């Protein structure tokens, strides 16, 4: 079994890559990271998974919020349209 430090290191290697950053942004959106999810247990469970990823990645939440807010609005709209088309 890998130690917690080895697992955290693996998370960092994954999410510090350029592709990992894209995935992290997508997960933040999908898991409603910036939304209130208390009234919906399913959405809260998704958000909890994302918070676990952030904890294992060992990144500060304010850093993630700033990074997510930098995503251009048109990219968010394109993603929402693609999600609706599926």
Protein backbone atom coordinates (compact mmCIF):
# COMPACT_ATOMS: atom_id res chain seq x y z
CA UNK A 1 0.00 0.00 0.00
CA UNK A 2 1.30 3.43 -0.90
CA UNK A 3 1.84 5.92 1.88
CA UNK A 4 -0.31 9.04 2.03
CA UNK A 5 2.71 11.09 0.95
CA UNK A 6 3.18 8.93 -2.16
CA UNK A 7 -0.49 9.25 -3.02
CA UNK A 8 -0.39 13.04 -2.56
CA UNK A 9 2.70 13.15 -4.78
CA UNK A 10 0.82 11.22 -7.47
CA UNK A 11 -2.06 13.72 -7.33
CA UNK A 12 0.41 16.59 -7.72
CA UNK A 13 2.08 14.95 -10.73
CA UNK A 14 -1.29 14.45 -12.40
CA UNK A 15 -2.80 17.87 -11.76
CA UNK A 16 0.32 19.97 -12.28
CA UNK A 17 0.56 18.86 -15.88
CA UNK A 18 -1.12 21.06 -18.53
CA UNK A 19 -3.69 18.37 -19.23
CA UNK A 20 -4.24 17.85 -15.51
CA UNK A 21 -5.08 21.53 -15.15
CA UNK A 22 -7.77 21.20 -17.80
CA UNK A 23 -9.21 18.16 -16.04
CA UNK A 24 -9.14 19.92 -12.66
CA UNK A 25 -11.05 22.88 -14.10
CA UNK A 26 -13.61 20.56 -15.68
CA UNK A 27 -14.06 18.65 -12.43
CA UNK A 28 -14.53 21.91 -10.52
CA UNK A 29 -17.37 22.84 -12.83
CA UNK A 30 -18.94 19.37 -12.92
CA UNK A 31 -18.73 18.96 -9.14
CA UNK A 32 -20.26 22.39 -8.47
CA UNK A 33 -17.23 23.44 -6.48
CA UNK A 34 -18.28 27.09 -6.29
CA UNK A 35 -22.00 26.43 -5.75
CA UNK A 36 -24.04 25.78 -2.65
CA UNK A 37 -24.99 22.10 -2.73
CA UNK A 38 -26.30 21.58 0.81
CA UNK A 39 -29.92 21.06 -0.28
CA UNK A 40 -29.03 18.38 -2.84
CA UNK A 41 -27.24 15.30 -1.41
CA UNK A 42 -26.19 14.07 -4.87
CA UNK A 43 -24.56 17.39 -5.78
CA UNK A 44 -22.99 17.61 -2.31
CA UNK A 45 -21.46 14.15 -2.82
CA UNK A 46 -19.91 15.28 -6.12
CA UNK A 47 -18.56 18.40 -4.43
CA UNK A 48 -17.14 16.30 -1.60
CA UNK A 49 -15.18 14.21 -4.10
CA UNK A 50 -13.71 17.37 -5.60
CA UNK A 51 -12.75 18.63 -2.14
CA UNK A 52 -11.00 15.30 -1.54
CA UNK A 53 -9.04 15.76 -4.77
CA UNK A 54 -7.99 19.24 -3.63
CA UNK A 55 -6.96 17.88 -0.25
CA UNK A 56 -4.86 15.13 -1.83
CA UNK A 57 -3.42 17.56 -4.37
CA UNK A 58 -2.48 19.71 -1.38
CA UNK A 59 -3.54 22.96 -2.98
CA UNK A 60 -5.09 25.91 -1.20
CA UNK A 61 -8.77 26.44 -2.01
CA UNK A 62 -8.36 30.20 -2.69
CA UNK A 63 -5.78 29.32 -5.38
CA UNK A 64 -8.28 27.00 -7.07
CA UNK A 65 -11.05 29.59 -6.89
CA UNK A 66 -8.83 32.21 -8.54
CA UNK A 67 -7.82 29.75 -11.28
CA UNK A 68 -11.41 28.72 -11.98
CA UNK A 69 -12.58 32.31 -12.16
CA UNK A 70 -9.98 32.97 -14.87
CA UNK A 71 -11.68 30.51 -17.23
CA UNK A 72 -13.12 32.59 -20.06
CA UNK A 73 -16.91 32.79 -20.01
CA UNK A 74 -17.15 31.55 -23.61
CA UNK A 75 -15.36 28.33 -22.63
CA UNK A 76 -17.95 27.74 -19.91
CA UNK A 77 -20.76 28.39 -22.37
CA UNK A 78 -19.22 26.01 -24.92
CA UNK A 79 -18.98 23.31 -22.26
CA UNK A 80 -22.59 23.83 -21.17
CA UNK A 81 -23.75 23.61 -24.80
CA UNK A 82 -21.75 20.41 -25.31
CA UNK A 83 -23.23 18.95 -22.12
CA UNK A 84 -26.76 19.79 -23.28
CA UNK A 85 -26.14 18.26 -26.72
CA UNK A 86 -25.31 14.87 -25.20
